[in-house]
N, C-alpha and C. Protein backbone atom coordinates (compact mmCIF):
# COMPACT_ATOMS: atom_id res chain seq x y z
N UNK A 1 -13.00 0.74 24.95
CA UNK A 1 -12.14 1.27 23.90
C UNK A 1 -10.76 0.76 24.16
N UNK A 2 -9.99 0.66 23.10
CA UNK A 2 -8.65 0.01 23.21
C UNK A 2 -7.55 0.99 22.87
N UNK A 3 -6.36 0.45 23.01
CA UNK A 3 -5.11 1.20 22.71
C UNK A 3 -4.67 0.81 21.29
N UNK A 4 -4.61 1.72 20.39
CA UNK A 4 -4.28 1.45 18.98
C UNK A 4 -2.99 0.69 18.89
N UNK A 5 -1.94 1.17 19.54
CA UNK A 5 -0.60 0.54 19.45
C UNK A 5 -0.62 -0.89 19.94
N UNK A 6 -1.35 -1.13 21.02
CA UNK A 6 -1.47 -2.47 21.55
C UNK A 6 -2.11 -3.40 20.51
N UNK A 7 -3.14 -2.87 19.83
CA UNK A 7 -3.84 -3.66 18.79
C UNK A 7 -2.93 -3.93 17.65
N UNK A 8 -2.13 -2.90 17.22
CA UNK A 8 -1.19 -3.09 16.17
C UNK A 8 -0.16 -4.12 16.53
N UNK A 9 0.28 -4.17 17.78
CA UNK A 9 1.28 -5.17 18.21
C UNK A 9 0.64 -6.56 18.11
N UNK A 10 -0.59 -6.67 18.58
CA UNK A 10 -1.30 -7.95 18.48
C UNK A 10 -1.38 -8.44 17.05
N UNK A 11 -1.71 -7.55 16.17
CA UNK A 11 -1.79 -7.93 14.74
C UNK A 11 -0.44 -8.39 14.21
N UNK A 12 0.57 -7.61 14.53
CA UNK A 12 1.90 -7.99 14.06
C UNK A 12 2.37 -9.32 14.66
N UNK A 13 2.13 -9.53 15.96
CA UNK A 13 2.50 -10.82 16.56
C UNK A 13 1.78 -12.01 15.95
N UNK A 14 0.64 -11.77 15.37
CA UNK A 14 -0.12 -12.84 14.71
C UNK A 14 0.26 -12.96 13.25
N UNK A 15 1.28 -12.22 12.81
CA UNK A 15 1.76 -12.36 11.45
C UNK A 15 1.15 -11.43 10.42
N UNK A 16 0.36 -10.51 10.80
CA UNK A 16 -0.23 -9.64 9.85
C UNK A 16 0.63 -8.47 9.56
N UNK A 17 0.79 -8.20 8.24
CA UNK A 17 1.60 -7.03 7.80
C UNK A 17 0.85 -5.77 8.18
N UNK A 18 1.56 -4.83 8.86
CA UNK A 18 0.92 -3.62 9.24
C UNK A 18 1.11 -2.56 8.21
N UNK A 19 -0.01 -2.05 7.67
CA UNK A 19 -0.05 -0.96 6.72
C UNK A 19 -0.71 0.25 7.37
N UNK A 20 -0.56 1.42 6.77
CA UNK A 20 -1.25 2.59 7.33
C UNK A 20 -2.77 2.40 7.28
N UNK A 21 -3.24 1.73 6.29
CA UNK A 21 -4.71 1.52 6.20
C UNK A 21 -5.16 0.61 7.36
N UNK A 22 -4.44 -0.43 7.66
CA UNK A 22 -4.83 -1.25 8.81
C UNK A 22 -4.61 -0.55 10.11
N UNK A 23 -3.66 0.33 10.22
CA UNK A 23 -3.48 1.12 11.48
C UNK A 23 -4.69 2.08 11.64
N UNK A 24 -5.13 2.67 10.52
CA UNK A 24 -6.28 3.55 10.56
C UNK A 24 -7.54 2.74 10.91
N UNK A 25 -7.67 1.55 10.40
CA UNK A 25 -8.82 0.67 10.67
C UNK A 25 -8.88 0.33 12.18
N UNK A 26 -7.78 -0.08 12.75
CA UNK A 26 -7.82 -0.43 14.12
C UNK A 26 -8.00 0.76 15.07
N UNK A 27 -7.52 1.94 14.63
CA UNK A 27 -7.73 3.16 15.40
C UNK A 27 -9.22 3.51 15.43
N UNK A 28 -9.90 3.31 14.32
CA UNK A 28 -11.32 3.55 14.29
C UNK A 28 -12.03 2.63 15.26
N UNK A 29 -11.69 1.36 15.32
CA UNK A 29 -12.31 0.50 16.33
C UNK A 29 -11.91 0.80 17.77
N UNK A 30 -10.66 1.20 17.96
CA UNK A 30 -10.19 1.55 19.28
C UNK A 30 -10.91 2.78 19.80
N UNK A 31 -11.31 3.73 18.94
CA UNK A 31 -11.94 4.94 19.35
C UNK A 31 -13.49 4.81 19.36
N UNK A 32 -14.02 3.80 18.74
CA UNK A 32 -15.46 3.64 18.58
C UNK A 32 -16.06 3.14 19.89
N UNK A 33 -17.15 3.80 20.30
CA UNK A 33 -17.79 3.34 21.50
C UNK A 33 -18.71 2.10 21.38
N UNK A 34 -19.02 1.71 20.14
CA UNK A 34 -19.88 0.58 19.93
C UNK A 34 -19.60 -0.12 18.66
N UNK A 35 -20.75 -0.65 18.07
CA UNK A 35 -20.70 -1.45 16.83
C UNK A 35 -20.70 -0.57 15.60
N UNK A 36 -20.07 -1.07 14.53
CA UNK A 36 -20.01 -0.32 13.28
C UNK A 36 -20.43 -1.29 12.15
N UNK A 37 -21.29 -0.77 11.29
CA UNK A 37 -21.62 -1.48 10.06
C UNK A 37 -20.45 -1.42 9.12
N UNK A 38 -20.27 -2.40 8.27
CA UNK A 38 -19.19 -2.36 7.31
C UNK A 38 -19.20 -1.06 6.41
N UNK A 39 -20.44 -0.59 6.13
CA UNK A 39 -20.58 0.63 5.34
C UNK A 39 -20.02 1.85 6.10
N UNK A 40 -20.26 1.85 7.43
CA UNK A 40 -19.68 2.93 8.24
C UNK A 40 -18.20 2.91 8.29
N UNK A 41 -17.64 1.73 8.31
CA UNK A 41 -16.17 1.53 8.31
C UNK A 41 -15.66 2.00 6.97
N UNK A 42 -16.29 1.55 5.85
CA UNK A 42 -15.92 1.96 4.55
C UNK A 42 -15.95 3.48 4.35
N UNK A 43 -17.06 4.10 4.80
CA UNK A 43 -17.12 5.58 4.68
C UNK A 43 -16.00 6.28 5.44
N UNK A 44 -15.70 5.77 6.62
CA UNK A 44 -14.59 6.38 7.40
C UNK A 44 -13.30 6.21 6.65
N UNK A 45 -13.02 5.04 6.13
CA UNK A 45 -11.74 4.76 5.44
C UNK A 45 -11.61 5.55 4.16
N UNK A 46 -12.75 5.77 3.52
CA UNK A 46 -12.77 6.54 2.21
C UNK A 46 -12.26 7.96 2.42
N UNK A 47 -12.47 8.55 3.61
CA UNK A 47 -11.97 9.90 3.87
C UNK A 47 -10.50 9.97 3.76
N UNK A 48 -9.75 8.97 4.22
CA UNK A 48 -8.31 8.98 4.22
C UNK A 48 -7.75 8.29 2.98
N UNK A 49 -8.48 7.32 2.46
CA UNK A 49 -8.01 6.47 1.35
C UNK A 49 -9.13 6.39 0.32
N UNK A 50 -9.27 7.47 -0.53
CA UNK A 50 -10.37 7.59 -1.46
C UNK A 50 -10.48 6.43 -2.52
N UNK A 51 -9.38 5.84 -2.81
CA UNK A 51 -9.43 4.78 -3.83
C UNK A 51 -9.72 3.36 -3.26
N UNK A 52 -9.84 3.26 -1.93
CA UNK A 52 -10.01 1.98 -1.28
C UNK A 52 -11.41 1.42 -1.64
N UNK A 53 -11.43 0.17 -1.98
CA UNK A 53 -12.68 -0.47 -2.34
C UNK A 53 -13.42 -1.05 -1.11
N UNK A 54 -14.68 -1.22 -1.26
CA UNK A 54 -15.50 -1.82 -0.19
C UNK A 54 -15.04 -3.25 0.06
N UNK A 55 -14.66 -4.00 -1.01
CA UNK A 55 -14.21 -5.37 -0.86
C UNK A 55 -12.91 -5.44 -0.04
N UNK A 56 -12.00 -4.46 -0.24
CA UNK A 56 -10.78 -4.44 0.58
C UNK A 56 -11.11 -4.21 2.00
N UNK A 57 -12.00 -3.27 2.30
CA UNK A 57 -12.38 -2.93 3.70
C UNK A 57 -13.00 -4.21 4.30
N UNK A 58 -13.91 -4.86 3.63
CA UNK A 58 -14.61 -6.01 4.13
C UNK A 58 -13.61 -7.15 4.35
N UNK A 59 -12.68 -7.30 3.43
CA UNK A 59 -11.69 -8.40 3.58
C UNK A 59 -10.83 -8.18 4.82
N UNK A 60 -10.49 -6.90 5.08
CA UNK A 60 -9.71 -6.58 6.27
C UNK A 60 -10.54 -6.77 7.53
N UNK A 61 -11.83 -6.49 7.48
CA UNK A 61 -12.68 -6.77 8.67
C UNK A 61 -12.68 -8.27 8.94
N UNK A 62 -12.75 -9.10 7.92
CA UNK A 62 -12.74 -10.56 8.13
C UNK A 62 -11.40 -10.99 8.69
N UNK A 63 -10.28 -10.40 8.27
CA UNK A 63 -8.95 -10.73 8.76
C UNK A 63 -8.93 -10.41 10.28
N UNK A 64 -9.36 -9.14 10.62
CA UNK A 64 -9.38 -8.77 12.02
C UNK A 64 -10.32 -9.67 12.89
N UNK A 65 -11.36 -10.12 12.28
CA UNK A 65 -12.29 -11.04 12.97
C UNK A 65 -11.56 -12.37 13.18
N UNK A 66 -10.93 -12.89 12.20
CA UNK A 66 -10.19 -14.19 12.30
C UNK A 66 -9.11 -14.11 13.30
N UNK A 67 -8.44 -12.90 13.46
CA UNK A 67 -7.36 -12.73 14.38
C UNK A 67 -7.84 -12.46 15.89
N UNK A 68 -9.20 -12.27 16.05
CA UNK A 68 -9.71 -12.04 17.34
C UNK A 68 -9.56 -10.57 17.74
N UNK A 69 -9.32 -9.68 16.82
CA UNK A 69 -9.15 -8.24 17.11
C UNK A 69 -10.54 -7.58 17.25
N UNK A 70 -11.50 -8.01 16.35
CA UNK A 70 -12.83 -7.50 16.40
C UNK A 70 -13.77 -8.73 16.50
N UNK A 71 -15.02 -8.46 16.95
CA UNK A 71 -16.04 -9.46 16.92
C UNK A 71 -17.19 -8.98 16.09
N UNK A 72 -18.01 -9.91 15.61
CA UNK A 72 -19.13 -9.49 14.79
C UNK A 72 -20.41 -9.96 15.47
N UNK A 73 -21.47 -9.16 15.37
CA UNK A 73 -22.75 -9.48 15.93
C UNK A 73 -23.79 -9.18 14.77
N UNK A 74 -24.81 -10.00 14.76
CA UNK A 74 -25.85 -9.80 13.76
C UNK A 74 -27.05 -9.04 14.39
N UNK A 75 -27.32 -7.94 13.83
CA UNK A 75 -28.46 -7.05 14.25
C UNK A 75 -29.48 -7.10 13.09
N UNK A 76 -30.66 -6.55 13.36
CA UNK A 76 -31.70 -6.48 12.35
C UNK A 76 -31.20 -5.79 11.08
N UNK A 77 -30.40 -4.77 11.26
CA UNK A 77 -29.98 -4.00 10.08
C UNK A 77 -28.67 -4.64 9.44
N UNK A 78 -28.26 -5.78 9.92
CA UNK A 78 -27.13 -6.47 9.32
C UNK A 78 -25.99 -6.72 10.33
N UNK A 79 -24.91 -7.26 9.81
CA UNK A 79 -23.75 -7.60 10.58
C UNK A 79 -23.06 -6.32 10.98
N UNK A 80 -22.63 -6.26 12.22
CA UNK A 80 -21.84 -5.11 12.73
C UNK A 80 -20.58 -5.67 13.44
N UNK A 81 -19.60 -4.81 13.48
CA UNK A 81 -18.31 -5.18 14.12
C UNK A 81 -17.96 -4.21 15.22
N UNK A 82 -17.26 -4.71 16.17
CA UNK A 82 -16.72 -3.89 17.22
C UNK A 82 -15.48 -4.52 17.76
N UNK A 83 -14.70 -3.70 18.44
CA UNK A 83 -13.45 -4.20 19.04
C UNK A 83 -13.79 -5.37 19.96
N UNK A 84 -12.99 -6.43 19.89
CA UNK A 84 -13.25 -7.59 20.76
C UNK A 84 -13.23 -7.19 22.22
N UNK A 85 -14.19 -7.62 23.01
CA UNK A 85 -14.20 -7.27 24.39
C UNK A 85 -13.03 -7.81 25.18
N UNK A 86 -12.79 -7.17 26.30
CA UNK A 86 -11.58 -7.52 27.04
C UNK A 86 -11.83 -8.56 28.14
N UNK A 87 -13.02 -9.16 28.16
CA UNK A 87 -13.37 -10.21 29.08
C UNK A 87 -12.43 -11.43 28.82
N UNK A 88 -11.64 -11.81 29.83
CA UNK A 88 -10.57 -12.83 29.56
C UNK A 88 -11.06 -14.27 29.41
N UNK A 89 -12.19 -14.59 30.03
CA UNK A 89 -12.65 -15.94 30.02
C UNK A 89 -13.85 -16.12 29.05
N UNK A 90 -14.12 -17.39 28.67
CA UNK A 90 -15.26 -17.69 27.82
C UNK A 90 -16.50 -17.04 28.34
N UNK A 91 -17.25 -16.41 27.48
CA UNK A 91 -18.47 -15.74 27.87
C UNK A 91 -19.34 -15.47 26.69
N UNK A 92 -20.51 -14.93 26.95
CA UNK A 92 -21.47 -14.53 25.90
C UNK A 92 -21.95 -13.11 26.17
N UNK A 93 -22.89 -12.61 25.43
CA UNK A 93 -23.31 -11.19 25.62
C UNK A 93 -24.79 -10.95 25.74
N UNK A 94 -25.13 -9.88 26.43
CA UNK A 94 -26.46 -9.31 26.49
C UNK A 94 -26.22 -7.94 25.81
N UNK A 95 -27.08 -7.67 24.83
CA UNK A 95 -26.89 -6.48 23.95
C UNK A 95 -28.19 -5.63 23.97
N UNK A 96 -28.07 -4.36 24.27
CA UNK A 96 -29.22 -3.45 24.23
C UNK A 96 -29.58 -3.09 22.84
N UNK A 97 -30.81 -3.40 22.47
CA UNK A 97 -31.28 -3.08 21.11
C UNK A 97 -31.38 -1.53 20.80
N UNK A 98 -31.36 -0.75 21.85
CA UNK A 98 -31.48 0.68 21.67
C UNK A 98 -30.11 1.31 21.52
N UNK A 99 -29.29 1.22 22.54
CA UNK A 99 -27.99 1.90 22.64
C UNK A 99 -26.81 0.96 22.27
N UNK A 100 -27.05 -0.29 22.15
CA UNK A 100 -26.01 -1.33 21.81
C UNK A 100 -25.01 -1.55 22.94
N UNK A 101 -25.31 -1.11 24.18
CA UNK A 101 -24.50 -1.40 25.26
C UNK A 101 -24.41 -2.91 25.36
N UNK A 102 -23.21 -3.43 25.65
CA UNK A 102 -22.95 -4.90 25.68
C UNK A 102 -22.47 -5.28 27.07
N UNK A 103 -23.14 -6.25 27.61
CA UNK A 103 -22.70 -6.76 28.92
C UNK A 103 -22.34 -8.24 28.85
N UNK A 104 -21.34 -8.71 29.57
CA UNK A 104 -20.98 -10.11 29.51
C UNK A 104 -22.00 -11.03 30.22
N UNK A 105 -22.15 -12.19 29.72
CA UNK A 105 -22.86 -13.30 30.41
C UNK A 105 -21.73 -14.28 30.70
N UNK A 106 -21.43 -14.39 31.92
CA UNK A 106 -20.24 -15.25 32.33
C UNK A 106 -20.48 -16.70 32.46
N UNK A 107 -21.75 -17.16 32.45
CA UNK A 107 -21.99 -18.56 32.46
C UNK A 107 -22.47 -18.95 31.11
N UNK A 108 -22.04 -20.18 30.68
CA UNK A 108 -22.24 -20.61 29.28
C UNK A 108 -23.43 -21.66 29.33
N UNK A 109 -24.39 -21.51 28.41
CA UNK A 109 -25.48 -22.46 28.36
C UNK A 109 -25.14 -23.83 27.68
N UNK A 110 -24.01 -23.94 27.08
CA UNK A 110 -23.67 -25.15 26.31
C UNK A 110 -23.67 -26.44 27.19
N UNK A 111 -23.10 -26.40 28.39
CA UNK A 111 -23.13 -27.66 29.15
C UNK A 111 -24.54 -28.24 29.40
N UNK A 112 -25.58 -27.39 29.44
CA UNK A 112 -26.93 -27.91 29.60
C UNK A 112 -27.76 -27.97 28.36
N UNK A 113 -27.10 -27.72 27.20
CA UNK A 113 -27.84 -27.77 25.93
C UNK A 113 -27.91 -29.21 25.51
N UNK A 114 -29.14 -29.64 25.10
CA UNK A 114 -29.42 -31.00 24.63
C UNK A 114 -28.97 -31.16 23.18
N UNK A 115 -27.69 -31.52 23.00
CA UNK A 115 -27.17 -31.69 21.64
C UNK A 115 -27.44 -33.13 21.17
N UNK A 116 -28.07 -33.29 20.04
CA UNK A 116 -28.29 -34.69 19.53
C UNK A 116 -26.99 -35.45 19.38
N UNK A 117 -27.07 -36.76 19.59
CA UNK A 117 -25.87 -37.59 19.62
C UNK A 117 -25.07 -37.55 18.32
N UNK A 118 -25.77 -37.32 17.21
CA UNK A 118 -25.05 -37.32 15.90
C UNK A 118 -24.61 -35.95 15.46
N UNK A 119 -24.61 -34.93 16.38
CA UNK A 119 -24.22 -33.59 16.02
C UNK A 119 -22.97 -33.20 16.79
N UNK A 120 -21.92 -32.84 16.10
CA UNK A 120 -20.67 -32.43 16.75
C UNK A 120 -20.55 -30.91 16.75
N UNK A 121 -20.61 -30.32 17.95
CA UNK A 121 -20.43 -28.86 18.10
C UNK A 121 -18.98 -28.52 18.02
N UNK A 122 -18.62 -27.54 17.11
CA UNK A 122 -17.26 -27.16 16.99
C UNK A 122 -17.05 -25.75 17.52
N UNK A 123 -18.06 -24.93 17.58
CA UNK A 123 -18.04 -23.62 18.20
C UNK A 123 -19.47 -23.18 18.40
N UNK A 124 -19.62 -22.13 19.25
CA UNK A 124 -20.94 -21.67 19.52
C UNK A 124 -20.91 -20.16 19.93
N UNK A 125 -22.05 -19.55 19.81
CA UNK A 125 -22.17 -18.13 20.16
C UNK A 125 -23.59 -17.91 20.74
N UNK A 126 -23.68 -17.22 21.83
CA UNK A 126 -24.97 -17.03 22.47
C UNK A 126 -25.10 -15.56 22.84
N UNK A 127 -26.17 -14.98 22.30
CA UNK A 127 -26.39 -13.54 22.56
C UNK A 127 -27.83 -13.32 23.00
N UNK A 128 -28.02 -12.44 23.98
CA UNK A 128 -29.39 -12.14 24.43
C UNK A 128 -29.58 -10.66 24.12
N UNK A 129 -30.73 -10.36 23.50
CA UNK A 129 -31.02 -8.97 23.05
C UNK A 129 -32.19 -8.48 23.95
N UNK A 130 -32.10 -7.26 24.38
CA UNK A 130 -33.13 -6.61 25.15
C UNK A 130 -32.84 -5.12 25.30
N UNK A 131 -33.25 -4.58 26.44
CA UNK A 131 -33.07 -3.14 26.74
C UNK A 131 -32.37 -2.95 28.12
N UNK A 132 -31.34 -2.17 28.12
CA UNK A 132 -30.54 -1.95 29.33
C UNK A 132 -31.40 -1.03 30.25
N UNK A 133 -30.96 -0.98 31.51
CA UNK A 133 -31.77 -0.16 32.49
C UNK A 133 -31.75 1.36 32.12
N UNK A 134 -30.69 1.82 31.56
CA UNK A 134 -30.61 3.26 31.20
C UNK A 134 -31.64 3.53 30.13
N UNK A 135 -31.79 2.72 29.12
CA UNK A 135 -32.72 2.98 28.06
C UNK A 135 -34.19 2.79 28.56
N UNK A 136 -34.43 1.81 29.40
CA UNK A 136 -35.77 1.63 29.96
C UNK A 136 -36.10 2.87 30.84
N UNK A 137 -35.19 3.33 31.67
CA UNK A 137 -35.44 4.46 32.55
C UNK A 137 -35.65 5.73 31.81
N UNK A 138 -35.01 5.92 30.66
CA UNK A 138 -35.11 7.15 29.90
C UNK A 138 -36.39 7.20 29.04
N UNK A 139 -37.13 6.13 29.07
CA UNK A 139 -38.42 6.08 28.39
C UNK A 139 -38.24 5.81 26.88
N UNK A 140 -37.07 5.34 26.47
CA UNK A 140 -36.92 5.01 25.05
C UNK A 140 -37.94 3.88 24.73
N UNK A 141 -38.57 3.98 23.52
CA UNK A 141 -39.54 2.96 23.22
C UNK A 141 -38.94 1.60 23.11
N UNK A 142 -39.63 0.64 23.70
CA UNK A 142 -39.16 -0.73 23.65
C UNK A 142 -40.22 -1.52 22.85
N UNK A 143 -39.77 -2.04 21.73
CA UNK A 143 -40.66 -2.82 20.90
C UNK A 143 -40.89 -4.22 21.51
N UNK A 144 -42.05 -4.82 21.27
CA UNK A 144 -42.24 -6.18 21.77
C UNK A 144 -41.21 -7.11 21.19
N UNK A 145 -40.95 -8.15 21.93
CA UNK A 145 -39.88 -9.07 21.53
C UNK A 145 -40.16 -9.73 20.21
N UNK A 146 -41.42 -9.99 19.89
CA UNK A 146 -41.75 -10.66 18.62
C UNK A 146 -41.36 -9.80 17.43
N UNK A 147 -41.48 -8.48 17.56
CA UNK A 147 -41.21 -7.63 16.39
C UNK A 147 -39.72 -7.22 16.35
N UNK A 148 -38.90 -7.59 17.36
CA UNK A 148 -37.51 -7.16 17.40
C UNK A 148 -36.58 -8.34 17.37
N UNK A 149 -37.01 -9.46 16.82
CA UNK A 149 -36.17 -10.63 16.77
C UNK A 149 -34.91 -10.36 15.90
N UNK A 150 -33.71 -10.62 16.42
CA UNK A 150 -32.46 -10.32 15.71
C UNK A 150 -32.25 -11.16 14.52
């Protein structure tokens, strides 16, 4: 979880105009323990700003993503957003399919990836999905990998 004022400062330093709606949006992410669907963000924002459109919320999610304030992950139920992790160096993620706990993978597979000579990589993302030890120990049902492909 993050500090709302620190996030607001980051947004301001990157040239984003700070509105009460954006402040509410980053507070939601600062307080959220995990990932949020755009619909969940919209529903939360509607409580304080009833006239706010889904398009406005989604556009602001994209702005926060572009600024590196939040990150997005694709789950079976769709794209979700969460506060950008605080890991300082380049890394990837292991994500629990049950509780959505996210752990860093600190080594990058790109140096050993066989990229065809005519393909220019400009960015990459690597995520591993599975079940954390807490969920496995608690007996939460773990679906076979074939039926849980992200």
